[in-house]
PDB file of N, CA and C in Angstrom:
ATOM      1  N   MET A   1      39.245  34.336  45.990  1.00  0.00           N
ATOM      2  CA  MET A   1      38.661  33.859  44.746  1.00  0.00           C
ATOM      3  C   MET A   1      37.399  33.032  45.010  1.00  0.00           C
ATOM      4  N   ALA A   2      37.438  32.203  46.050  1.00  0.00           N
ATOM      5  CA  ALA A   2      36.258  31.398  46.384  1.00  0.00           C
ATOM      6  C   ALA A   2      35.094  32.300  46.775  1.00  0.00           C
ATOM      7  N   PHE A   3      35.404  33.417  47.418  1.00  0.00           N
ATOM      8  CA  PHE A   3      34.374  34.369  47.824  1.00  0.00           C
ATOM      9  C   PHE A   3      33.624  34.914  46.605  1.00  0.00           C
ATOM     10  N   ILE A   4      34.343  35.196  45.546  1.00  0.00           N
ATOM     11  CA  ILE A   4      33.722  35.700  44.315  1.00  0.00           C
ATOM     12  C   ILE A   4      32.812  34.622  43.711  1.00  0.00           C
ATOM     13  N   GLY A   5      33.249  33.390  43.751  1.00  0.00           N
ATOM     14  CA  GLY A   5      32.434  32.283  43.255  1.00  0.00           C
ATOM     15  C   GLY A   5      31.142  32.141  44.049  1.00  0.00           C
ATOM     16  N   VAL A   6      31.245  32.279  45.367  1.00  0.00           N
ATOM     17  CA  VAL A   6      30.060  32.205  46.222  1.00  0.00           C
ATOM     18  C   VAL A   6      29.108  33.352  45.896  1.00  0.00           C
ATOM     19  N   LEU A   7      29.655  34.555  45.700  1.00  0.00           N
ATOM     20  CA  LEU A   7      28.821  35.710  45.358  1.00  0.00           C
ATOM     21  C   LEU A   7      28.088  35.493  44.038  1.00  0.00           C
ATOM     22  N   PHE A   8      28.795  34.996  43.034  1.00  0.00           N
ATOM     23  CA  PHE A   8      28.152  34.712  41.751  1.00  0.00           C
ATOM     24  C   PHE A   8      27.064  33.644  41.907  1.00  0.00           C
ATOM     25  N   GLY A   9      27.348  32.633  42.709  1.00  0.00           N
ATOM     26  CA  GLY A   9      26.360  31.584  42.958  1.00  0.00           C
ATOM     27  C   GLY A   9      25.119  32.127  43.641  1.00  0.00           C
ATOM     28  N   LEU A  10      25.310  32.959  44.653  1.00  0.00           N
ATOM     29  CA  LEU A  10      24.172  33.557  45.355  1.00  0.00           C
ATOM     30  C   LEU A  10      23.387  34.493  44.438  1.00  0.00           C
ATOM     31  N   PHE A  11      24.104  35.238  43.611  1.00  0.00           N
ATOM     32  CA  PHE A  11      23.435  36.126  42.660  1.00  0.00           C
ATOM     33  C   PHE A  11      22.585  35.321  41.681  1.00  0.00           C
ATOM     34  N   GLY A  12      23.146  34.257  41.161  1.00  0.00           N
ATOM     35  CA  GLY A  12      22.417  33.408  40.216  1.00  0.00           C
ATOM     36  C   GLY A  12      21.183  32.786  40.860  1.00  0.00           C
ATOM     37  N   LEU A  13      21.332  32.307  42.087  1.00  0.00           N
ATOM     38  CA  LEU A  13      20.203  31.707  42.794  1.00  0.00           C
ATOM     39  C   LEU A  13      19.117  32.742  43.052  1.00  0.00           C
ATOM     40  N   SER A  14      19.501  33.923  43.512  1.00  0.00           N
ATOM     41  CA  SER A  14      18.499  34.953  43.795  1.00  0.00           C
ATOM     42  C   SER A  14      17.796  35.404  42.511  1.00  0.00           C
ATOM     43  N   LYS A  15      18.539  35.504  41.418  1.00  0.00           N
ATOM     44  CA  LYS A  15      17.930  35.883  40.137  1.00  0.00           C
ATOM     45  C   LYS A  15      16.924  34.822  39.704  1.00  0.00           C
ATOM     46  N   TRP A  16      17.297  33.556  39.845  1.00  0.00           N
ATOM     47  CA  TRP A  16      16.390  32.470  39.479  1.00  0.00           C
ATOM     48  C   TRP A  16      15.131  32.512  40.344  1.00  0.00           C
ATOM     49  N   LEU A  17      15.285  32.702  41.655  1.00  0.00           N
ATOM     50  CA  LEU A  17      14.128  32.748  42.544  1.00  0.00           C
ATOM     51  C   LEU A  17      13.214  33.923  42.219  1.00  0.00           C
ATOM     52  N   LEU A  18      13.788  35.059  41.862  1.00  0.00           N
ATOM     53  CA  LEU A  18      12.975  36.227  41.526  1.00  0.00           C
ATOM     54  C   LEU A  18      12.273  36.070  40.178  1.00  0.00           C
ATOM     55  N   ASP A  19      12.909  35.376  39.240  1.00  0.00           N
ATOM     56  CA  ASP A  19      12.351  35.209  37.898  1.00  0.00           C
ATOM     57  C   ASP A  19      11.458  33.984  37.756  1.00  0.00           C
ATOM     58  N   TYR A  20      11.553  33.047  38.715  1.00  0.00           N
ATOM     59  CA  TYR A  20      10.819  31.787  38.594  1.00  0.00           C
ATOM     60  C   TYR A  20       9.318  32.038  38.656  1.00  0.00           C
ATOM     61  N   ASP A  21       8.583  31.402  37.798  1.00  0.00           N
ATOM     62  CA  ASP A  21       7.132  31.490  37.764  1.00  0.00           C
ATOM     63  C   ASP A  21       6.610  30.063  37.870  1.00  0.00           C
ATOM     64  N   GLY A  22       5.932  29.775  38.958  1.00  0.00           N
ATOM     65  CA  GLY A  22       5.460  28.420  39.223  1.00  0.00           C
ATOM     66  C   GLY A  22       4.499  27.873  38.190  1.00  0.00           C
ATOM     67  N   ARG A  23       3.887  28.756  37.394  1.00  0.00           N
ATOM     68  CA  ARG A  23       2.965  28.262  36.368  1.00  0.00           C
ATOM     69  C   ARG A  23       3.693  27.443  35.311  1.00  0.00           C
ATOM     70  N   GLN A  24       4.996  27.619  35.224  1.00  0.00           N
ATOM     71  CA  GLN A  24       5.799  26.867  34.258  1.00  0.00           C
ATOM     72  C   GLN A  24       5.758  25.373  34.570  1.00  0.00           C
ATOM     73  N   ALA A  25       5.642  25.027  35.840  1.00  0.00           N
ATOM     74  CA  ALA A  25       5.734  23.632  36.253  1.00  0.00           C
ATOM     75  C   ALA A  25       4.396  23.025  36.657  1.00  0.00           C
ATOM     76  N   ILE A  26       3.295  23.672  36.353  1.00  0.00           N
ATOM     77  CA  ILE A  26       1.989  23.135  36.736  1.00  0.00           C
ATOM     78  C   ILE A  26       1.755  21.809  36.019  1.00  0.00           C
ATOM     79  N   ASP A  27       1.376  20.811  36.794  1.00  0.00           N
ATOM     80  CA  ASP A  27       1.015  19.512  36.231  1.00  0.00           C
ATOM     81  C   ASP A  27      -0.506  19.466  36.181  1.00  0.00           C
ATOM     82  N   LEU A  28      -1.067  19.458  35.000  1.00  0.00           N
ATOM     83  CA  LEU A  28      -2.515  19.507  34.854  1.00  0.00           C
ATOM     84  C   LEU A  28      -3.217  18.262  35.380  1.00  0.00           C
ATOM     85  N   VAL A  29      -2.475  17.204  35.643  1.00  0.00           N
ATOM     86  CA  VAL A  29      -3.057  15.995  36.219  1.00  0.00           C
ATOM     87  C   VAL A  29      -3.744  16.330  37.548  1.00  0.00           C
ATOM     88  N   GLY A  30      -3.195  17.285  38.283  1.00  0.00           N
ATOM     89  CA  GLY A  30      -3.787  17.681  39.558  1.00  0.00           C
ATOM     90  C   GLY A  30      -5.212  18.192  39.418  1.00  0.00           C
ATOM     91  N   TYR A  31      -5.546  18.770  38.279  1.00  0.00           N
ATOM     92  CA  TYR A  31      -6.901  19.267  38.056  1.00  0.00           C
ATOM     93  C   TYR A  31      -7.879  18.137  37.757  1.00  0.00           C
ATOM     94  N   VAL A  32      -7.363  16.959  37.433  1.00  0.00           N
ATOM     95  CA  VAL A  32      -8.208  15.787  37.216  1.00  0.00           C
ATOM     96  C   VAL A  32      -8.327  15.001  38.522  1.00  0.00           C
ATOM     97  N   GLU A  33      -7.204  14.861  39.230  1.00  0.00           N
ATOM     98  CA  GLU A  33      -7.196  14.102  40.485  1.00  0.00           C
ATOM     99  C   GLU A  33      -7.949  14.816  41.600  1.00  0.00           C
ATOM    100  N   SER A  34      -7.875  16.133  41.641  1.00  0.00           N
ATOM    101  CA  SER A  34      -8.594  16.948  42.634  1.00  0.00           C
ATOM    102  C   SER A  34      -9.395  17.997  41.873  1.00  0.00           C
ATOM    103  N   PRO A  35     -10.512  17.597  41.322  1.00  0.00           N
ATOM    104  CA  PRO A  35     -11.242  18.502  40.437  1.00  0.00           C
ATOM    105  C   PRO A  35     -11.721  19.776  41.127  1.00  0.00           C
ATOM    106  N   SER A  36     -11.634  20.845  40.403  1.00  0.00           N
ATOM    107  CA  SER A  36     -12.148  22.134  40.837  1.00  0.00           C
ATOM    108  C   SER A  36     -13.659  22.118  40.629  1.00  0.00           C
ATOM    109  N   PRO A  37     -14.421  22.824  41.477  1.00  0.00           N
ATOM    110  CA  PRO A  37     -15.861  22.906  41.231  1.00  0.00           C
ATOM    111  C   PRO A  37     -16.173  23.606  39.900  1.00  0.00           C
ATOM    112  N   HIS A  38     -15.173  24.324  39.364  1.00  0.00           N
ATOM    113  CA  HIS A  38     -15.348  24.994  38.080  1.00  0.00           C
ATOM    114  C   HIS A  38     -15.092  24.060  36.897  1.00  0.00           C
ATOM    115  N   MET A  39     -14.653  22.824  37.192  1.00  0.00           N
ATOM    116  CA  MET A  39     -14.288  21.879  36.125  1.00  0.00           C
ATOM    117  C   MET A  39     -14.954  20.526  36.329  1.00  0.00           C
ATOM    118  N   PRO A  40     -16.270  20.432  36.247  1.00  0.00           N
ATOM    119  CA  PRO A  40     -16.905  19.128  36.436  1.00  0.00           C
ATOM    120  C   PRO A  40     -16.492  18.143  35.339  1.00  0.00           C
ATOM    121  N   LYS A  41     -16.327  16.909  35.764  1.00  0.00           N
ATOM    122  CA  LYS A  41     -15.976  15.810  34.861  1.00  0.00           C
ATOM    123  C   LYS A  41     -14.678  16.067  34.090  1.00  0.00           C
ATOM    124  N   ALA A  42     -13.693  16.626  34.783  1.00  0.00           N
ATOM    125  CA  ALA A  42     -12.393  16.893  34.152  1.00  0.00           C
ATOM    126  C   ALA A  42     -11.673  15.582  33.849  1.00  0.00           C
ATOM    127  N   GLU A  43     -11.056  15.534  32.667  1.00  0.00           N
ATOM    128  CA  GLU A  43     -10.276  14.355  32.287  1.00  0.00           C
ATOM    129  C   GLU A  43      -9.103  14.782  31.411  1.00  0.00           C
ATOM    130  N   MET A  44      -8.040  14.005  31.482  1.00  0.00           N
ATOM    131  CA  MET A  44      -6.876  14.283  30.650  1.00  0.00           C
ATOM    132  C   MET A  44      -7.278  14.115  29.186  1.00  0.00           C
ATOM    133  N   ALA A  45      -6.807  15.040  28.351  1.00  0.00           N
ATOM    134  CA  ALA A  45      -7.181  15.007  26.934  1.00  0.00           C
ATOM    135  C   ALA A  45      -6.001  15.385  26.046  1.00  0.00           C
ATOM    136  N   SER A  46      -4.801  15.145  26.523  1.00  0.00           N
ATOM    137  CA  SER A  46      -3.603  15.539  25.779  1.00  0.00           C
ATOM    138  C   SER A  46      -3.556  14.907  24.390  1.00  0.00           C
ATOM    139  N   GLU A  47      -3.895  13.634  24.305  1.00  0.00           N
ATOM    140  CA  GLU A  47      -3.822  12.943  23.008  1.00  0.00           C
ATOM    141  C   GLU A  47      -4.804  13.535  21.999  1.00  0.00           C
ATOM    142  N   ASP A  48      -5.948  14.012  22.484  1.00  0.00           N
ATOM    143  CA  ASP A  48      -6.969  14.566  21.588  1.00  0.00           C
ATOM    144  C   ASP A  48      -6.740  16.040  21.263  1.00  0.00           C
ATOM    145  N   LEU A  49      -6.198  16.803  22.213  1.00  0.00           N
ATOM    146  CA  LEU A  49      -6.125  18.253  22.063  1.00  0.00           C
ATOM    147  C   LEU A  49      -4.743  18.801  21.706  1.00  0.00           C
ATOM    148  N   CYS A  50      -3.706  18.026  21.934  1.00  0.00           N
ATOM    149  CA  CYS A  50      -2.352  18.479  21.595  1.00  0.00           C
ATOM    150  C   CYS A  50      -1.943  17.852  20.260  1.00  0.00           C
ATOM    151  N   SER A  51      -1.374  18.673  19.377  1.00  0.00           N
ATOM    152  CA  SER A  51      -1.017  18.195  18.037  1.00  0.00           C
ATOM    153  C   SER A  51       0.142  19.035  17.501  1.00  0.00           C
ATOM    154  N   ASP A  52       0.496  18.811  16.261  1.00  0.00           N
ATOM    155  CA  ASP A  52       1.518  19.632  15.622  1.00  0.00           C
ATOM    156  C   ASP A  52       1.045  21.076  15.487  1.00  0.00           C
ATOM    157  N   VAL A  53      -0.253  21.258  15.293  1.00  0.00           N
ATOM    158  CA  VAL A  53      -0.820  22.602  15.139  1.00  0.00           C
ATOM    159  C   VAL A  53      -0.946  23.302  16.486  1.00  0.00           C
ATOM    160  N   VAL A  54      -1.353  22.557  17.512  1.00  0.00           N
ATOM    161  CA  VAL A  54      -1.482  23.071  18.880  1.00  0.00           C
ATOM    162  C   VAL A  54      -0.539  22.230  19.744  1.00  0.00           C
ATOM    163  N   PRO A  55       0.758  22.619  19.787  1.00  0.00           N
ATOM    164  CA  PRO A  55       1.779  21.775  20.412  1.00  0.00           C
ATOM    165  C   PRO A  55       1.839  21.885  21.942  1.00  0.00           C
ATOM    166  N   CYS A  56       0.718  21.588  22.600  1.00  0.00           N
ATOM    167  CA  CYS A  56       0.728  21.617  24.058  1.00  0.00           C
ATOM    168  C   CYS A  56       1.402  20.362  24.601  1.00  0.00           C
ATOM    169  N   VAL A  57       1.843  20.430  25.850  1.00  0.00           N
ATOM    170  CA  VAL A  57       2.474  19.278  26.479  1.00  0.00           C
ATOM    171  C   VAL A  57       1.495  18.516  27.362  1.00  0.00           C
ATOM    172  N   GLN A  58       0.398  19.179  27.746  1.00  0.00           N
ATOM    173  CA  GLN A  58      -0.667  18.547  28.510  1.00  0.00           C
ATOM    174  C   GLN A  58      -1.970  19.261  28.205  1.00  0.00           C
ATOM    175  N   ALA A  59      -3.066  18.533  28.353  1.00  0.00           N
ATOM    176  CA  ALA A  59      -4.386  19.149  28.180  1.00  0.00           C
ATOM    177  C   ALA A  59      -5.393  18.441  29.067  1.00  0.00           C
ATOM    178  N   VAL A  60      -6.335  19.229  29.579  1.00  0.00           N
ATOM    179  CA  VAL A  60      -7.444  18.719  30.382  1.00  0.00           C
ATOM    180  C   VAL A  60      -8.719  19.309  29.794  1.00  0.00           C
ATOM    181  N   ASP A  61      -9.729  18.460  29.666  1.00  0.00           N
ATOM    182  CA  ASP A  61     -11.020  18.927  29.167  1.00  0.00           C
ATOM    183  C   ASP A  61     -12.068  18.640  30.230  1.00  0.00           C
ATOM    184  N   SER A  62     -13.031  19.545  30.363  1.00  0.00           N
ATOM    185  CA  SER A  62     -14.147  19.359  31.288  1.00  0.00           C
ATOM    186  C   SER A  62     -15.411  19.875  30.623  1.00  0.00           C
ATOM    187  N   GLU A  63     -16.509  19.812  31.347  1.00  0.00           N
ATOM    188  CA  GLU A  63     -17.779  20.299  30.803  1.00  0.00           C
ATOM    189  C   GLU A  63     -17.780  21.814  30.619  1.00  0.00           C
ATOM    190  N   THR A  64     -16.900  22.524  31.326  1.00  0.00           N
ATOM    191  CA  THR A  64     -16.948  23.982  31.342  1.00  0.00           C
ATOM    192  C   THR A  64     -15.771  24.675  30.674  1.00  0.00           C
ATOM    193  N   LEU A  65     -14.623  23.985  30.637  1.00  0.00           N
ATOM    194  CA  LEU A  65     -13.433  24.633  30.090  1.00  0.00           C
ATOM    195  C   LEU A  65     -12.397  23.607  29.667  1.00  0.00           C
ATOM    196  N   THR A  66     -11.458  24.078  28.882  1.00  0.00           N
ATOM    197  CA  THR A  66     -10.324  23.266  28.450  1.00  0.00           C
ATOM    198  C   THR A  66      -9.051  24.003  28.859  1.00  0.00           C
ATOM    199  N   MET A  67      -8.107  23.262  29.429  1.00  0.00           N
ATOM    200  CA  MET A  67      -6.802  23.834  29.784  1.00  0.00           C
ATOM    201  C   MET A  67      -5.724  23.140  28.974  1.00  0.00           C
ATOM    202  N   ARG A  68      -4.776  23.942  28.483  1.00  0.00           N
ATOM    203  CA  ARG A  68      -3.615  23.395  27.783  1.00  0.00           C
ATOM    204  C   ARG A  68      -2.365  24.042  28.353  1.00  0.00           C
ATOM    205  N   ARG A  69      -1.328  23.219  28.600  1.00  0.00           N
ATOM    206  CA  ARG A  69      -0.043  23.746  29.064  1.00  0.00           C
ATOM    207  C   ARG A  69       0.967  23.613  27.934  1.00  0.00           C
ATOM    208  N   PHE A  70       1.781  24.678  27.775  1.00  0.00           N
ATOM    209  CA  PHE A  70       2.767  24.734  26.694  1.00  0.00           C
ATOM    210  C   PHE A  70       4.182  24.816  27.244  1.00  0.00           C
ATOM    211  N   GLU A  71       5.148  24.621  26.373  1.00  0.00           N
ATOM    212  CA  GLU A  71       6.562  24.673  26.745  1.00  0.00           C
ATOM    213  C   GLU A  71       7.021  26.077  27.143  1.00  0.00           C
ATOM    214  N   SER A  72       6.360  27.100  26.598  1.00  0.00           N
ATOM    215  CA  SER A  72       6.777  28.470  26.904  1.00  0.00           C
ATOM    216  C   SER A  72       5.555  29.392  26.981  1.00  0.00           C
ATOM    217  N   ALA A  73       5.715  30.479  27.711  1.00  0.00           N
ATOM    218  CA  ALA A  73       4.643  31.471  27.815  1.00  0.00           C
ATOM    219  C   ALA A  73       4.370  32.139  26.455  1.00  0.00           C
ATOM    220  N   PRO A  74       5.408  32.508  25.672  1.00  0.00           N
ATOM    221  CA  PRO A  74       5.122  33.089  24.347  1.00  0.00           C
ATOM    222  C   PRO A  74       4.354  32.128  23.436  1.00  0.00           C
ATOM    223  N   GLN A  75       4.673  30.855  23.515  1.00  0.00           N
ATOM    224  CA  GLN A  75       3.961  29.859  22.712  1.00  0.00           C
ATOM    225  C   GLN A  75       2.493  29.794  23.141  1.00  0.00           C
ATOM    226  N   ALA A  76       2.235  29.828  24.449  1.00  0.00           N
ATOM    227  CA  ALA A  76       0.859  29.815  24.953  1.00  0.00           C
ATOM    228  C   ALA A  76       0.095  31.032  24.439  1.00  0.00           C
ATOM    229  N   SER A  77       0.719  32.195  24.480  1.00  0.00           N
ATOM    230  CA  SER A  77       0.056  33.419  23.997  1.00  0.00           C
ATOM    231  C   SER A  77      -0.267  33.330  22.516  1.00  0.00           C
ATOM    232  N   ALA A  78       0.654  32.808  21.734  1.00  0.00           N
ATOM    233  CA  ALA A  78       0.427  32.685  20.289  1.00  0.00           C
ATOM    234  C   ALA A  78      -0.725  31.727  19.998  1.00  0.00           C
ATOM    235  N   ILE A  79      -0.777  30.612  20.688  1.00  0.00           N
ATOM    236  CA  ILE A  79      -1.851  29.644  20.466  1.00  0.00           C
ATOM    237  C   ILE A  79      -3.190  30.217  20.928  1.00  0.00           C
ATOM    238  N   ALA A  80      -3.188  30.953  22.034  1.00  0.00           N
ATOM    239  CA  ALA A  80      -4.429  31.564  22.522  1.00  0.00           C
ATOM    240  C   ALA A  80      -5.006  32.505  21.469  1.00  0.00           C
ATOM    241  N   ALA A  81      -4.151  33.283  20.839  1.00  0.00           N
ATOM    242  CA  ALA A  81      -4.607  34.195  19.784  1.00  0.00           C
ATOM    243  C   ALA A  81      -5.168  33.411  18.604  1.00  0.00           C
ATOM    244  N   MET A  82      -4.577  32.282  18.309  1.00  0.00           N
ATOM    245  CA  MET A  82      -5.030  31.454  17.196  1.00  0.00           C
ATOM    246  C   MET A  82      -6.377  30.790  17.508  1.00  0.00           C
ATOM    247  N   LEU A  83      -6.564  30.361  18.761  1.00  0.00           N
ATOM    248  CA  LEU A  83      -7.793  29.648  19.133  1.00  0.00           C
ATOM    249  C   LEU A  83      -9.020  30.545  19.099  1.00  0.00           C
ATOM    250  N   GLY A  84      -8.862  31.789  19.537  1.00  0.00           N
ATOM    251  CA  GLY A  84     -10.000  32.699  19.574  1.00  0.00           C
ATOM    252  C   GLY A  84     -11.036  32.260  20.597  1.00  0.00           C
ATOM    253  N   GLY A  85     -12.166  32.928  20.626  1.00  0.00           N
ATOM    254  CA  GLY A  85     -13.212  32.618  21.594  1.00  0.00           C
ATOM    255  C   GLY A  85     -12.876  33.199  22.953  1.00  0.00           C
ATOM    256  N   ASP A  86     -13.505  32.667  23.979  1.00  0.00           N
ATOM    257  CA  ASP A  86     -13.277  33.142  25.351  1.00  0.00           C
ATOM    258  C   ASP A  86     -12.079  32.403  25.932  1.00  0.00           C
ATOM    259  N   VAL A  87     -10.891  32.895  25.591  1.00  0.00           N
ATOM    260  CA  VAL A  87      -9.637  32.251  25.955  1.00  0.00           C
ATOM    261  C   VAL A  87      -8.837  33.189  26.858  1.00  0.00           C
ATOM    262  N   ARG A  88      -8.238  32.636  27.911  1.00  0.00           N
ATOM    263  CA  ARG A  88      -7.390  33.416  28.813  1.00  0.00           C
ATOM    264  C   ARG A  88      -6.039  32.719  28.914  1.00  0.00           C
ATOM    265  N   VAL A  89      -5.002  33.514  29.130  1.00  0.00           N
ATOM    266  CA  VAL A  89      -3.646  32.984  29.262  1.00  0.00           C
ATOM    267  C   VAL A  89      -3.132  33.286  30.663  1.00  0.00           C
ATOM    268  N   ALA A  90      -2.588  32.277  31.297  1.00  0.00           N
ATOM    269  CA  ALA A  90      -1.922  32.434  32.592  1.00  0.00           C
ATOM    270  C   ALA A  90      -0.536  31.815  32.444  1.00  0.00           C
ATOM    271  N   GLY A  91       0.405  32.591  31.927  1.00  0.00           N
ATOM    272  CA  GLY A  91       1.770  32.097  31.730  1.00  0.00           C
ATOM    273  C   GLY A  91       1.826  31.015  30.679  1.00  0.00           C
ATOM    274  N   TRP A  92       2.065  29.804  31.099  1.00  0.00           N
ATOM    275  CA  TRP A  92       2.238  28.655  30.215  1.00  0.00           C
ATOM    276  C   TRP A  92       0.921  27.939  29.955  1.00  0.00           C
ATOM    277  N   ILE A  93      -0.154  28.411  30.585  1.00  0.00           N
ATOM    278  CA  ILE A  93      -1.451  27.748  30.526  1.00  0.00           C
ATOM    279  C   ILE A  93      -2.436  28.584  29.705  1.00  0.00           C
ATOM    280  N   VAL A  94      -3.157  27.914  28.815  1.00  0.00           N
ATOM    281  CA  VAL A  94      -4.243  28.541  28.066  1.00  0.00           C
ATOM    282  C   VAL A  94      -5.538  27.898  28.543  1.00  0.00           C
ATOM    283  N   VAL A  95      -6.479  28.741  28.956  1.00  0.00           N
ATOM    284  CA  VAL A  95      -7.795  28.267  29.397  1.00  0.00           C
ATOM    285  C   VAL A  95      -8.824  28.756  28.382  1.00  0.00           C
ATOM    286  N   ALA A  96      -9.552  27.819  27.796  1.00  0.00           N
ATOM    287  CA  ALA A  96     -10.621  28.145  26.852  1.00  0.00           C
ATOM    288  C   ALA A  96     -11.948  27.789  27.521  1.00  0.00           C
ATOM    289  N   PHE A  97     -12.758  28.806  27.783  1.00  0.00           N
ATOM    290  CA  PHE A  97     -14.043  28.598  28.424  1.00  0.00           C
ATOM    291  C   PHE A  97     -15.094  28.225  27.381  1.00  0.00           C
ATOM    292  N   LYS A  98     -15.934  27.277  27.742  1.00  0.00           N
ATOM    293  CA  LYS A  98     -17.003  26.839  26.844  1.00  0.00           C
ATOM    294  C   LYS A  98     -18.196  27.783  27.002  1.00  0.00           C
ATOM    295  N   PRO A  99     -18.841  28.123  25.894  1.00  0.00           N
ATOM    296  CA  PRO A  99     -19.935  29.101  25.921  1.00  0.00           C
ATOM    297  C   PRO A  99     -21.050  28.722  26.906  1.00  0.00           C
ATOM    298  N   GLY A 100     -21.417  29.691  27.751  1.00  0.00           N
ATOM    299  CA  GLY A 100     -22.544  29.540  28.662  1.00  0.00           C
ATOM    300  C   GLY A 100     -22.334  28.611  29.842  1.00  0.00           C
ATOM    301  N   ALA A 101     -21.144  28.040  29.995  1.00  0.00           N
ATOM    302  CA  ALA A 101     -20.921  27.055  31.059  1.00  0.00           C
ATOM    303  C   ALA A 101     -20.622  27.697  32.414  1.00  0.00           C
ATOM    304  N   LEU A 102     -19.960  28.837  32.433  1.00  0.00           N
ATOM    305  CA  LEU A 102     -19.620  29.535  33.683  1.00  0.00           C
ATOM    306  C   LEU A 102     -19.997  31.004  33.556  1.00  0.00           C
ATOM    307  N   THR A 103     -20.282  31.617  34.697  1.00  0.00           N
ATOM    308  CA  THR A 103     -20.530  33.055  34.699  1.00  0.00           C
ATOM    309  C   THR A 103     -19.203  33.785  34.579  1.00  0.00           C
ATOM    310  N   ASP A 104     -19.252  35.062  34.286  1.00  0.00           N
ATOM    311  CA  ASP A 104     -18.020  35.858  34.221  1.00  0.00           C
ATOM    312  C   ASP A 104     -17.296  35.832  35.558  1.00  0.00           C
ATOM    313  N   GLU A 105     -18.035  35.881  36.650  1.00  0.00           N
ATOM    314  CA  GLU A 105     -17.421  35.842  37.985  1.00  0.00           C
ATOM    315  C   GLU A 105     -16.726  34.501  38.234  1.00  0.00           C
ATOM    316  N   GLU A 106     -17.349  33.414  37.838  1.00  0.00           N
ATOM    317  CA  GLU A 106     -16.739  32.089  38.001  1.00  0.00           C
ATOM    318  C   GLU A 106     -15.463  31.973  37.157  1.00  0.00           C
ATOM    319  N   LYS A 107     -15.498  32.527  35.967  1.00  0.00           N
ATOM    320  CA  LYS A 107     -14.304  32.513  35.105  1.00  0.00           C
ATOM    321  C   LYS A 107     -13.164  33.279  35.777  1.00  0.00           C
ATOM    322  N   GLU A 108     -13.465  34.463  36.289  1.00  0.00           N
ATOM    323  CA  GLU A 108     -12.441  35.270  36.963  1.00  0.00           C
ATOM    324  C   GLU A 108     -11.912  34.565  38.208  1.00  0.00           C
ATOM    325  N   ASP A 109     -12.802  33.916  38.965  1.00  0.00           N
ATOM    326  CA  ASP A 109     -12.375  33.159  40.153  1.00  0.00           C
ATOM    327  C   ASP A 109     -11.404  32.049  39.763  1.00  0.00           C
ATOM    328  N   PHE A 110     -11.731  31.342  38.686  1.00  0.00           N
ATOM    329  CA  PHE A 110     -10.873  30.240  38.248  1.00  0.00           C
ATOM    330  C   PHE A 110      -9.505  30.752  37.809  1.00  0.00           C
ATOM    331  N   ILE A 111      -9.488  31.788  36.982  1.00  0.00           N
ATOM    332  CA  ILE A 111      -8.219  32.340  36.489  1.00  0.00           C
ATOM    333  C   ILE A 111      -7.405  32.912  37.644  1.00  0.00           C
ATOM    334  N   SER A 112      -8.049  33.591  38.575  1.00  0.00           N
ATOM    335  CA  SER A 112      -7.335  34.145  39.730  1.00  0.00           C
ATOM    336  C   SER A 112      -6.704  33.031  40.557  1.00  0.00           C
ATOM    337  N   ALA A 113      -7.456  31.962  40.787  1.00  0.00           N
ATOM    338  CA  ALA A 113      -6.922  30.835  41.554  1.00  0.00           C
ATOM    339  C   ALA A 113      -5.745  30.188  40.831  1.00  0.00           C
ATOM    340  N   LEU A 114      -5.869  30.030  39.532  1.00  0.00           N
ATOM    341  CA  LEU A 114      -4.784  29.452  38.730  1.00  0.00           C
ATOM    342  C   LEU A 114      -3.540  30.320  38.823  1.00  0.00           C
ATOM    343  N   TYR A 115      -3.712  31.613  38.676  1.00  0.00           N
ATOM    344  CA  TYR A 115      -2.581  32.540  38.723  1.00  0.00           C
ATOM    345  C   TYR A 115      -1.977  32.606  40.124  1.00  0.00           C
ATOM    346  N   CYS A 116      -2.806  32.786  41.130  1.00  0.00           N
ATOM    347  CA  CYS A 116      -2.318  33.028  42.484  1.00  0.00           C
ATOM    348  C   CYS A 116      -1.698  31.795  43.141  1.00  0.00           C
ATOM    349  N   ALA A 117      -2.199  30.624  42.807  1.00  0.00           N
ATOM    350  CA  ALA A 117      -1.720  29.410  43.460  1.00  0.00           C
ATOM    351  C   ALA A 117      -0.307  29.026  43.046  1.00  0.00           C
ATOM    352  N   HIS A 118       0.175  29.554  41.959  1.00  0.00           N
ATOM    353  CA  HIS A 118       1.445  29.071  41.427  1.00  0.00           C
ATOM    354  C   HIS A 118       2.500  30.151  41.221  1.00  0.00           C
ATOM    355  N   VAL A 119       2.271  31.327  41.747  1.00  0.00           N
ATOM    356  CA  VAL A 119       3.244  32.414  41.599  1.00  0.00           C
ATOM    357  C   VAL A 119       3.915  32.636  42.944  1.00  0.00           C
ATOM    358  N   PRO A 120       5.255  32.572  43.010  1.00  0.00           N
ATOM    359  CA  PRO A 120       5.950  32.615  44.296  1.00  0.00           C
ATOM    360  C   PRO A 120       5.830  33.943  45.042  1.00  0.00           C
ATOM    361  N   HIS A 121       5.707  35.026  44.347  1.00  0.00           N
ATOM    362  CA  HIS A 121       5.609  36.331  44.983  1.00  0.00           C
ATOM    363  C   HIS A 121       4.125  36.658  45.034  1.00  0.00           C
ATOM    364  N   ASP A 122       3.456  36.274  46.106  1.00  0.00           N
ATOM    365  CA  ASP A 122       2.010  36.332  46.227  1.00  0.00           C
ATOM    366  C   ASP A 122       1.440  37.680  45.798  1.00  0.00           C
ATOM    367  N   PRO A 123       0.900  37.760  44.570  1.00  0.00           N
ATOM    368  CA  PRO A 123       0.315  39.009  44.089  1.00  0.00           C
ATOM    369  C   PRO A 123      -1.145  39.154  44.507  1.00  0.00           C
ATOM    370  N   CYS A 124      -1.678  38.133  45.148  1.00  0.00           N
ATOM    371  CA  CYS A 124      -3.117  38.109  45.435  1.00  0.00           C
ATOM    372  C   CYS A 124      -3.427  38.495  46.872  1.00  0.00           C
TER     373      CYS A 124
END
């Protein structure tokens, strides 16, 4: 009987490890403490950018882009559609690029780094 319990435990752990997406736990404070060259003058802006209408749990604003983290990936996708403009979604994170601040290549580099740095099964 204990063997069956161990098997269920191992199955649950392996399922969690396979399904886990590190973007869920990204702390946007790291983008302020160690700024990306793509985010000059980054600062926390949760109080200004998160609201009942845009219910993010964290937000960072910079001269080039705004990042918001949400409780769920579906919620992030819904808000991204509502925001419009040059907006990209990486799981729980919505990145809104400011017009003319970055080239298309710089935008792709930033999104790729955001995606690749936090996904356990290295897709990059």
